[in-house]
Amino acid sequence: MFDIGDARTLFTGRISRGGKGLIGACLCELVIDGTAVARFKLEAEGFHRSPEGWRSLSTLESVDTAAIKEAIGRCFLRGVELGDSEDTS
């Protein structure tokens, strides 16, 4: 995870299931230790994918980057189904 100067937060990692096509803009949850702790919109994937399978997604919404940095290895992003109205932000 990186903070970029234009208020963008960039997430990097590998997609655990499928993920062969580009990821479009979507709502996601940040999950730490099995609990959804935040919900925000990801921008459409537009960054280069590496041959090793690394991907990059970003958001312009406010994200608690300190909590994510403390939870590296214990956190992930997951897509939110449309119509799921539970607010975790």
PDB file of N, CA and C in Angstrom:
ATOM      1  N   MET A   1       0.851  -1.162   0.000  1.00  0.00           N
ATOM      2  CA  MET A   1       0.000   0.000   0.000  1.00  0.00           C
ATOM      3  C   MET A   1       0.890   1.215   0.000  1.00  0.00           C
ATOM      4  N   PHE A   2       0.522   2.204  -0.817  1.00  0.00           N
ATOM      5  CA  PHE A   2       1.292   3.434  -0.942  1.00  0.00           C
ATOM      6  C   PHE A   2       0.346   4.622  -0.919  1.00  0.00           C
ATOM      7  N   ASP A   3       0.764   5.713  -0.264  1.00  0.00           N
ATOM      8  CA  ASP A   3       0.061   6.985  -0.358  1.00  0.00           C
ATOM      9  C   ASP A   3       0.721   7.763  -1.483  1.00  0.00           C
ATOM     10  N   ILE A   4      -0.068   8.226  -2.437  1.00  0.00           N
ATOM     11  CA  ILE A   4       0.461   8.987  -3.563  1.00  0.00           C
ATOM     12  C   ILE A   4       0.055  10.438  -3.368  1.00  0.00           C
ATOM     13  N   GLY A   5       0.889  11.354  -3.777  1.00  0.00           N
ATOM     14  CA  GLY A   5       0.712  12.774  -3.506  1.00  0.00           C
ATOM     15  C   GLY A   5      -0.604  13.391  -3.918  1.00  0.00           C
ATOM     16  N   ASP A   6      -1.333  12.802  -4.853  1.00  0.00           N
ATOM     17  CA  ASP A   6      -2.600  13.400  -5.304  1.00  0.00           C
ATOM     18  C   ASP A   6      -3.780  12.921  -4.467  1.00  0.00           C
ATOM     19  N   ALA A   7      -3.530  12.470  -3.235  1.00  0.00           N
ATOM     20  CA  ALA A   7      -4.548  11.973  -2.300  1.00  0.00           C
ATOM     21  C   ALA A   7      -5.034  10.586  -2.675  1.00  0.00           C
ATOM     22  N   ARG A   8      -4.350   9.932  -3.559  1.00  0.00           N
ATOM     23  CA  ARG A   8      -4.694   8.575  -3.978  1.00  0.00           C
ATOM     24  C   ARG A   8      -3.961   7.580  -3.083  1.00  0.00           C
ATOM     25  N   THR A   9      -4.639   6.495  -2.724  1.00  0.00           N
ATOM     26  CA  THR A   9      -4.003   5.386  -2.027  1.00  0.00           C
ATOM     27  C   THR A   9      -3.935   4.223  -3.002  1.00  0.00           C
ATOM     28  N   LEU A  10      -2.772   3.653  -3.165  1.00  0.00           N
ATOM     29  CA  LEU A  10      -2.544   2.579  -4.115  1.00  0.00           C
ATOM     30  C   LEU A  10      -2.311   1.280  -3.356  1.00  0.00           C
ATOM     31  N   PHE A  11      -3.059   0.247  -3.728  1.00  0.00           N
ATOM     32  CA  PHE A  11      -2.923  -1.082  -3.129  1.00  0.00           C
ATOM     33  C   PHE A  11      -2.263  -1.993  -4.153  1.00  0.00           C
ATOM     34  N   THR A  12      -1.293  -2.772  -3.734  1.00  0.00           N
ATOM     35  CA  THR A  12      -0.649  -3.724  -4.629  1.00  0.00           C
ATOM     36  C   THR A  12      -0.728  -5.117  -4.022  1.00  0.00           C
ATOM     37  N   GLY A  13      -0.805  -6.109  -4.861  1.00  0.00           N
ATOM     38  CA  GLY A  13      -0.857  -7.486  -4.380  1.00  0.00           C
ATOM     39  C   GLY A  13      -1.265  -8.415  -5.494  1.00  0.00           C
ATOM     40  N   ARG A  14      -1.565  -9.627  -5.125  1.00  0.00           N
ATOM     41  CA  ARG A  14      -2.013 -10.628  -6.083  1.00  0.00           C
ATOM     42  C   ARG A  14      -3.497 -10.899  -5.877  1.00  0.00           C
ATOM     43  N   ILE A  15      -4.181 -11.258  -6.952  1.00  0.00           N
ATOM     44  CA  ILE A  15      -5.593 -11.609  -6.891  1.00  0.00           C
ATOM     45  C   ILE A  15      -5.672 -13.083  -6.507  1.00  0.00           C
ATOM     46  N   SER A  16      -6.442 -13.385  -5.448  1.00  0.00           N
ATOM     47  CA  SER A  16      -6.462 -14.761  -4.943  1.00  0.00           C
ATOM     48  C   SER A  16      -7.299 -15.714  -5.786  1.00  0.00           C
ATOM     49  N   ARG A  17      -8.355 -15.217  -6.430  1.00  0.00           N
ATOM     50  CA  ARG A  17      -9.233 -16.091  -7.224  1.00  0.00           C
ATOM     51  C   ARG A  17      -9.470 -15.476  -8.592  1.00  0.00           C
ATOM     52  N   GLY A  18      -9.203 -16.229  -9.627  1.00  0.00           N
ATOM     53  CA  GLY A  18      -9.479 -15.739 -10.983  1.00  0.00           C
ATOM     54  C   GLY A  18      -8.658 -14.497 -11.271  1.00  0.00           C
ATOM     55  N   GLY A  19      -9.335 -13.440 -11.673  1.00  0.00           N
ATOM     56  CA  GLY A  19      -8.683 -12.162 -11.870  1.00  0.00           C
ATOM     57  C   GLY A  19      -7.839 -12.056 -13.112  1.00  0.00           C
ATOM     58  N   LYS A  20      -8.268 -12.688 -14.194  1.00  0.00           N
ATOM     59  CA  LYS A  20      -7.477 -12.618 -15.416  1.00  0.00           C
ATOM     60  C   LYS A  20      -7.733 -11.332 -16.191  1.00  0.00           C
ATOM     61  N   GLY A  21      -8.931 -10.776 -16.095  1.00  0.00           N
ATOM     62  CA  GLY A  21      -9.246  -9.544 -16.799  1.00  0.00           C
ATOM     63  C   GLY A  21      -8.972  -8.327 -15.922  1.00  0.00           C
ATOM     64  N   LEU A  22      -9.073  -7.148 -16.533  1.00  0.00           N
ATOM     65  CA  LEU A  22      -8.905  -5.916 -15.762  1.00  0.00           C
ATOM     66  C   LEU A  22     -10.075  -5.753 -14.799  1.00  0.00           C
ATOM     67  N   ILE A  23      -9.808  -5.170 -13.654  1.00  0.00           N
ATOM     68  CA  ILE A  23     -10.839  -4.931 -12.640  1.00  0.00           C
ATOM     69  C   ILE A  23     -11.409  -3.543 -12.863  1.00  0.00           C
ATOM     70  N   GLY A  24     -12.727  -3.451 -12.978  1.00  0.00           N
ATOM     71  CA  GLY A  24     -13.384  -2.170 -13.156  1.00  0.00           C
ATOM     72  C   GLY A  24     -13.609  -1.478 -11.820  1.00  0.00           C
ATOM     73  N   ALA A  25     -14.061  -0.241 -11.871  1.00  0.00           N
ATOM     74  CA  ALA A  25     -14.392   0.494 -10.646  1.00  0.00           C
ATOM     75  C   ALA A  25     -15.429  -0.307  -9.863  1.00  0.00           C
ATOM     76  N   CYS A  26     -15.231  -0.383  -8.559  1.00  0.00           N
ATOM     77  CA  CYS A  26     -16.148  -1.173  -7.745  1.00  0.00           C
ATOM     78  C   CYS A  26     -16.069  -0.755  -6.283  1.00  0.00           C
ATOM     79  N   LEU A  27     -17.063  -1.161  -5.537  1.00  0.00           N
ATOM     80  CA  LEU A  27     -17.082  -0.961  -4.096  1.00  0.00           C
ATOM     81  C   LEU A  27     -16.358  -2.144  -3.465  1.00  0.00           C
ATOM     82  N   CYS A  28     -15.529  -1.874  -2.456  1.00  0.00           N
ATOM     83  CA  CYS A  28     -14.825  -2.968  -1.797  1.00  0.00           C
ATOM     84  C   CYS A  28     -14.814  -2.741  -0.292  1.00  0.00           C
ATOM     85  N   GLU A  29     -14.475  -3.795   0.414  1.00  0.00           N
ATOM     86  CA  GLU A  29     -14.273  -3.727   1.863  1.00  0.00           C
ATOM     87  C   GLU A  29     -12.818  -4.038   2.160  1.00  0.00           C
ATOM     88  N   LEU A  30     -12.287  -3.352   3.147  1.00  0.00           N
ATOM     89  CA  LEU A  30     -10.984  -3.675   3.699  1.00  0.00           C
ATOM     90  C   LEU A  30     -11.227  -4.621   4.864  1.00  0.00           C
ATOM     91  N   VAL A  31     -10.644  -5.814   4.798  1.00  0.00           N
ATOM     92  CA  VAL A  31     -10.828  -6.834   5.824  1.00  0.00           C
ATOM     93  C   VAL A  31      -9.508  -7.016   6.562  1.00  0.00           C
ATOM     94  N   ILE A  32      -9.548  -6.840   7.883  1.00  0.00           N
ATOM     95  CA  ILE A  32      -8.374  -7.051   8.727  1.00  0.00           C
ATOM     96  C   ILE A  32      -8.730  -8.109   9.761  1.00  0.00           C
ATOM     97  N   ASP A  33      -7.918  -9.153   9.826  1.00  0.00           N
ATOM     98  CA  ASP A  33      -8.141 -10.262  10.768  1.00  0.00           C
ATOM     99  C   ASP A  33      -9.564 -10.799  10.687  1.00  0.00           C
ATOM    100  N   GLY A  34     -10.094 -10.894   9.460  1.00  0.00           N
ATOM    101  CA  GLY A  34     -11.411 -11.488   9.244  1.00  0.00           C
ATOM    102  C   GLY A  34     -12.594 -10.566   9.445  1.00  0.00           C
ATOM    103  N   THR A  35     -12.349  -9.287   9.799  1.00  0.00           N
ATOM    104  CA  THR A  35     -13.437  -8.341  10.046  1.00  0.00           C
ATOM    105  C   THR A  35     -13.373  -7.182   9.062  1.00  0.00           C
ATOM    106  N   ALA A  36     -14.501  -6.883   8.401  1.00  0.00           N
ATOM    107  CA  ALA A  36     -14.568  -5.725   7.506  1.00  0.00           C
ATOM    108  C   ALA A  36     -14.494  -4.459   8.352  1.00  0.00           C
ATOM    109  N   VAL A  37     -13.484  -3.630   8.089  1.00  0.00           N
ATOM    110  CA  VAL A  37     -13.289  -2.429   8.900  1.00  0.00           C
ATOM    111  C   VAL A  37     -13.531  -1.141   8.129  1.00  0.00           C
ATOM    112  N   ALA A  38     -13.640  -1.228   6.818  1.00  0.00           N
ATOM    113  CA  ALA A  38     -13.891  -0.027   6.009  1.00  0.00           C
ATOM    114  C   ALA A  38     -14.481  -0.437   4.674  1.00  0.00           C
ATOM    115  N   ARG A  39     -15.168   0.502   4.059  1.00  0.00           N
ATOM    116  CA  ARG A  39     -15.754   0.291   2.739  1.00  0.00           C
ATOM    117  C   ARG A  39     -15.467   1.542   1.908  1.00  0.00           C
ATOM    118  N   PHE A  40     -14.987   1.338   0.692  1.00  0.00           N
ATOM    119  CA  PHE A  40     -14.685   2.472  -0.164  1.00  0.00           C
ATOM    120  C   PHE A  40     -14.697   2.026  -1.623  1.00  0.00           C
ATOM    121  N   LYS A  41     -14.707   3.019  -2.519  1.00  0.00           N
ATOM    122  CA  LYS A  41     -14.749   2.743  -3.951  1.00  0.00           C
ATOM    123  C   LYS A  41     -13.329   2.652  -4.499  1.00  0.00           C
ATOM    124  N   LEU A  42     -13.058   1.588  -5.241  1.00  0.00           N
ATOM    125  CA  LEU A  42     -11.797   1.454  -5.965  1.00  0.00           C
ATOM    126  C   LEU A  42     -11.980   2.003  -7.366  1.00  0.00           C
ATOM    127  N   GLU A  43     -10.958   2.652  -7.878  1.00  0.00           N
ATOM    128  CA  GLU A  43     -10.957   3.115  -9.255  1.00  0.00           C
ATOM    129  C   GLU A  43     -10.689   1.909 -10.164  1.00  0.00           C
ATOM    130  N   ALA A  44     -11.021   2.034 -11.427  1.00  0.00           N
ATOM    131  CA  ALA A  44     -10.750   0.960 -12.379  1.00  0.00           C
ATOM    132  C   ALA A  44      -9.243   0.724 -12.471  1.00  0.00           C
ATOM    133  N   GLU A  45      -8.875  -0.526 -12.603  1.00  0.00           N
ATOM    134  CA  GLU A  45      -7.464  -0.873 -12.708  1.00  0.00           C
ATOM    135  C   GLU A  45      -6.895  -0.265 -13.990  1.00  0.00           C
ATOM    136  N   GLY A  46      -5.819   0.457 -13.849  1.00  0.00           N
ATOM    137  CA  GLY A  46      -5.222   1.085 -15.018  1.00  0.00           C
ATOM    138  C   GLY A  46      -3.715   1.019 -15.003  1.00  0.00           C
ATOM    139  N   PHE A  47      -3.167   0.328 -14.035  1.00  0.00           N
ATOM    140  CA  PHE A  47      -1.723   0.233 -13.899  1.00  0.00           C
ATOM    141  C   PHE A  47      -1.239  -1.067 -14.519  1.00  0.00           C
ATOM    142  N   HIS A  48      -0.014  -1.078 -14.901  1.00  0.00           N
ATOM    143  CA  HIS A  48       0.601  -2.252 -15.529  1.00  0.00           C
ATOM    144  C   HIS A  48       0.619  -3.437 -14.566  1.00  0.00           C
ATOM    145  N   ARG A  49       0.271  -4.620 -15.056  1.00  0.00           N
ATOM    146  CA  ARG A  49       0.370  -5.857 -14.278  1.00  0.00           C
ATOM    147  C   ARG A  49       1.732  -6.483 -14.545  1.00  0.00           C
ATOM    148  N   SER A  50       2.362  -6.979 -13.511  1.00  0.00           N
ATOM    149  CA  SER A  50       3.679  -7.579 -13.673  1.00  0.00           C
ATOM    150  C   SER A  50       3.563  -9.025 -14.138  1.00  0.00           C
ATOM    151  N   PRO A  51       4.599  -9.541 -14.759  1.00  0.00           N
ATOM    152  CA  PRO A  51       4.592 -10.948 -15.156  1.00  0.00           C
ATOM    153  C   PRO A  51       4.484 -11.897 -13.955  1.00  0.00           C
ATOM    154  N   GLU A  52       4.876 -11.433 -12.771  1.00  0.00           N
ATOM    155  CA  GLU A  52       4.810 -12.254 -11.558  1.00  0.00           C
ATOM    156  C   GLU A  52       3.414 -12.287 -10.952  1.00  0.00           C
ATOM    157  N   GLY A  53       2.462 -11.562 -11.540  1.00  0.00           N
ATOM    158  CA  GLY A  53       1.086 -11.592 -11.056  1.00  0.00           C
ATOM    159  C   GLY A  53       0.693 -10.459 -10.126  1.00  0.00           C
ATOM    160  N   TRP A  54       1.571  -9.506  -9.893  1.00  0.00           N
ATOM    161  CA  TRP A  54       1.231  -8.370  -9.035  1.00  0.00           C
ATOM    162  C   TRP A  54       0.267  -7.453  -9.758  1.00  0.00           C
ATOM    163  N   ARG A  55      -0.725  -6.940  -9.014  1.00  0.00           N
ATOM    164  CA  ARG A  55      -1.744  -6.032  -9.547  1.00  0.00           C
ATOM    165  C   ARG A  55      -1.789  -4.784  -8.692  1.00  0.00           C
ATOM    166  N   SER A  56      -2.336  -3.698  -9.243  1.00  0.00           N
ATOM    167  CA  SER A  56      -2.448  -2.431  -8.508  1.00  0.00           C
ATOM    168  C   SER A  56      -3.851  -1.866  -8.667  1.00  0.00           C
ATOM    169  N   LEU A  57      -4.435  -1.460  -7.553  1.00  0.00           N
ATOM    170  CA  LEU A  57      -5.739  -0.803  -7.528  1.00  0.00           C
ATOM    171  C   LEU A  57      -5.615   0.431  -6.661  1.00  0.00           C
ATOM    172  N   SER A  58      -6.439   1.456  -6.934  1.00  0.00           N
ATOM    173  CA  SER A  58      -6.326   2.683  -6.156  1.00  0.00           C
ATOM    174  C   SER A  58      -7.691   3.238  -5.792  1.00  0.00           C
ATOM    175  N   THR A  59      -7.674   4.135  -4.803  1.00  0.00           N
ATOM    176  CA  THR A  59      -8.871   4.854  -4.392  1.00  0.00           C
ATOM    177  C   THR A  59      -8.503   6.298  -4.099  1.00  0.00           C
ATOM    178  N   LEU A  60      -9.465   7.182  -4.311  1.00  0.00           N
ATOM    179  CA  LEU A  60      -9.300   8.588  -3.939  1.00  0.00           C
ATOM    180  C   LEU A  60     -10.012   8.880  -2.621  1.00  0.00           C
ATOM    181  N   GLU A  61     -10.690   7.878  -2.072  1.00  0.00           N
ATOM    182  CA  GLU A  61     -11.400   8.060  -0.810  1.00  0.00           C
ATOM    183  C   GLU A  61     -10.435   7.971   0.369  1.00  0.00           C
ATOM    184  N   SER A  62     -10.854   8.527   1.483  1.00  0.00           N
ATOM    185  CA  SER A  62     -10.039   8.504   2.693  1.00  0.00           C
ATOM    186  C   SER A  62      -9.922   7.076   3.222  1.00  0.00           C
ATOM    187  N   VAL A  63      -8.680   6.653   3.500  1.00  0.00           N
ATOM    188  CA  VAL A  63      -8.405   5.306   3.981  1.00  0.00           C
ATOM    189  C   VAL A  63      -7.473   5.412   5.185  1.00  0.00           C
ATOM    190  N   ASP A  64      -7.725   4.622   6.226  1.00  0.00           N
ATOM    191  CA  ASP A  64      -6.870   4.605   7.416  1.00  0.00           C
ATOM    192  C   ASP A  64      -5.598   3.824   7.095  1.00  0.00           C
ATOM    193  N   THR A  65      -4.625   4.516   6.527  1.00  0.00           N
ATOM    194  CA  THR A  65      -3.407   3.837   6.095  1.00  0.00           C
ATOM    195  C   THR A  65      -2.577   3.315   7.265  1.00  0.00           C
ATOM    196  N   ALA A  66      -2.666   3.952   8.421  1.00  0.00           N
ATOM    197  CA  ALA A  66      -1.908   3.476   9.589  1.00  0.00           C
ATOM    198  C   ALA A  66      -2.381   2.083  10.002  1.00  0.00           C
ATOM    199  N   ALA A  67      -3.703   1.863  10.003  1.00  0.00           N
ATOM    200  CA  ALA A  67      -4.241   0.541  10.368  1.00  0.00           C
ATOM    201  C   ALA A  67      -3.802  -0.513   9.367  1.00  0.00           C
ATOM    202  N   ILE A  68      -3.763  -0.149   8.090  1.00  0.00           N
ATOM    203  CA  ILE A  68      -3.358  -1.109   7.063  1.00  0.00           C
ATOM    204  C   ILE A  68      -1.881  -1.457   7.224  1.00  0.00           C
ATOM    205  N   LYS A  69      -1.054  -0.462   7.462  1.00  0.00           N
ATOM    206  CA  LYS A  69       0.379  -0.713   7.624  1.00  0.00           C
ATOM    207  C   LYS A  69       0.649  -1.648   8.803  1.00  0.00           C
ATOM    208  N   GLU A  70      -0.130  -1.519   9.873  1.00  0.00           N
ATOM    209  CA  GLU A  70       0.026  -2.401  11.035  1.00  0.00           C
ATOM    210  C   GLU A  70      -0.464  -3.820  10.743  1.00  0.00           C
ATOM    211  N   ALA A  71      -1.356  -3.968   9.746  1.00  0.00           N
ATOM    212  CA  ALA A  71      -1.985  -5.268   9.475  1.00  0.00           C
ATOM    213  C   ALA A  71      -1.446  -5.946   8.217  1.00  0.00           C
ATOM    214  N   ILE A  72      -0.314  -5.506   7.704  1.00  0.00           N
ATOM    215  CA  ILE A  72       0.247  -6.122   6.503  1.00  0.00           C
ATOM    216  C   ILE A  72       0.365  -7.634   6.726  1.00  0.00           C
ATOM    217  N   GLY A  73      -0.118  -8.392   5.773  1.00  0.00           N
ATOM    218  CA  GLY A  73      -0.110  -9.853   5.881  1.00  0.00           C
ATOM    219  C   GLY A  73      -1.361 -10.416   6.533  1.00  0.00           C
ATOM    220  N   ARG A  74      -2.172  -9.546   7.154  1.00  0.00           N
ATOM    221  CA  ARG A  74      -3.407  -9.992   7.807  1.00  0.00           C
ATOM    222  C   ARG A  74      -4.620  -9.258   7.236  1.00  0.00           C
ATOM    223  N   CYS A  75      -4.437  -8.589   6.111  1.00  0.00           N
ATOM    224  CA  CYS A  75      -5.550  -7.830   5.547  1.00  0.00           C
ATOM    225  C   CYS A  75      -5.663  -8.083   4.046  1.00  0.00           C
ATOM    226  N   PHE A  76      -6.865  -7.825   3.524  1.00  0.00           N
ATOM    227  CA  PHE A  76      -7.102  -7.957   2.096  1.00  0.00           C
ATOM    228  C   PHE A  76      -8.317  -7.125   1.719  1.00  0.00           C
ATOM    229  N   LEU A  77      -8.490  -6.914   0.414  1.00  0.00           N
ATOM    230  CA  LEU A  77      -9.664  -6.228  -0.107  1.00  0.00           C
ATOM    231  C   LEU A  77     -10.594  -7.263  -0.708  1.00  0.00           C
ATOM    232  N   ARG A  78     -11.900  -7.060  -0.528  1.00  0.00           N
ATOM    233  CA  ARG A  78     -12.867  -7.946  -1.187  1.00  0.00           C
ATOM    234  C   ARG A  78     -13.974  -7.095  -1.781  1.00  0.00           C
ATOM    235  N   GLY A  79     -14.468  -7.541  -2.916  1.00  0.00           N
ATOM    236  CA  GLY A  79     -15.556  -6.836  -3.584  1.00  0.00           C
ATOM    237  C   GLY A  79     -16.845  -6.942  -2.789  1.00  0.00           C
ATOM    238  N   VAL A  80     -17.677  -5.921  -2.916  1.00  0.00           N
ATOM    239  CA  VAL A  80     -18.974  -5.887  -2.241  1.00  0.00           C
ATOM    240  C   VAL A  80     -20.048  -6.072  -3.297  1.00  0.00           C
ATOM    241  N   GLU A  81     -20.941  -6.995  -3.057  1.00  0.00           N
ATOM    242  CA  GLU A  81     -22.058  -7.237  -3.974  1.00  0.00           C
ATOM    243  C   GLU A  81     -22.963  -6.014  -4.025  1.00  0.00           C
ATOM    244  N   LEU A  82     -23.431  -5.673  -5.204  1.00  0.00           N
ATOM    245  CA  LEU A  82     -24.389  -4.569  -5.335  1.00  0.00           C
ATOM    246  C   LEU A  82     -25.635  -4.894  -4.543  1.00  0.00           C
ATOM    247  N   GLY A  83     -26.160  -3.907  -3.838  1.00  0.00           N
ATOM    248  CA  GLY A  83     -27.336  -4.122  -3.020  1.00  0.00           C
ATOM    249  C   GLY A  83     -27.007  -4.474  -1.593  1.00  0.00           C
ATOM    250  N   ASP A  84     -25.746  -4.725  -1.264  1.00  0.00           N
ATOM    251  CA  ASP A  84     -25.332  -5.010   0.106  1.00  0.00           C
ATOM    252  C   ASP A  84     -25.291  -3.673   0.828  1.00  0.00           C
ATOM    253  N   SER A  85     -26.243  -3.419   1.718  1.00  0.00           N
ATOM    254  CA  SER A  85     -26.393  -2.101   2.306  1.00  0.00           C
ATOM    255  C   SER A  85     -25.692  -1.933   3.651  1.00  0.00           C
ATOM    256  N   GLU A  86     -25.076  -2.969   4.173  1.00  0.00           N
ATOM    257  CA  GLU A  86     -24.385  -2.839   5.462  1.00  0.00           C
ATOM    258  C   GLU A  86     -23.220  -1.871   5.306  1.00  0.00           C
ATOM    259  N   ASP A  87     -23.187  -0.804   6.120  1.00  0.00           N
ATOM    260  CA  ASP A  87     -22.139   0.211   6.021  1.00  0.00           C
ATOM    261  C   ASP A  87     -21.094  -0.049   7.096  1.00  0.00           C
ATOM    262  N   THR A  88     -19.847  -0.284   6.676  1.00  0.00           N
ATOM    263  CA  THR A  88     -18.781  -0.537   7.636  1.00  0.00           C
ATOM    264  C   THR A  88     -17.796   0.612   7.712  1.00  0.00           C
ATOM    265  N   SER A  89     -18.101   1.726   7.048  1.00  0.00           N
ATOM    266  CA  SER A  89     -17.139   2.841   7.066  1.00  0.00           C
ATOM    267  C   SER A  89     -17.350   3.726   8.272  1.00  0.00           C
TER     268      SER A  89
END
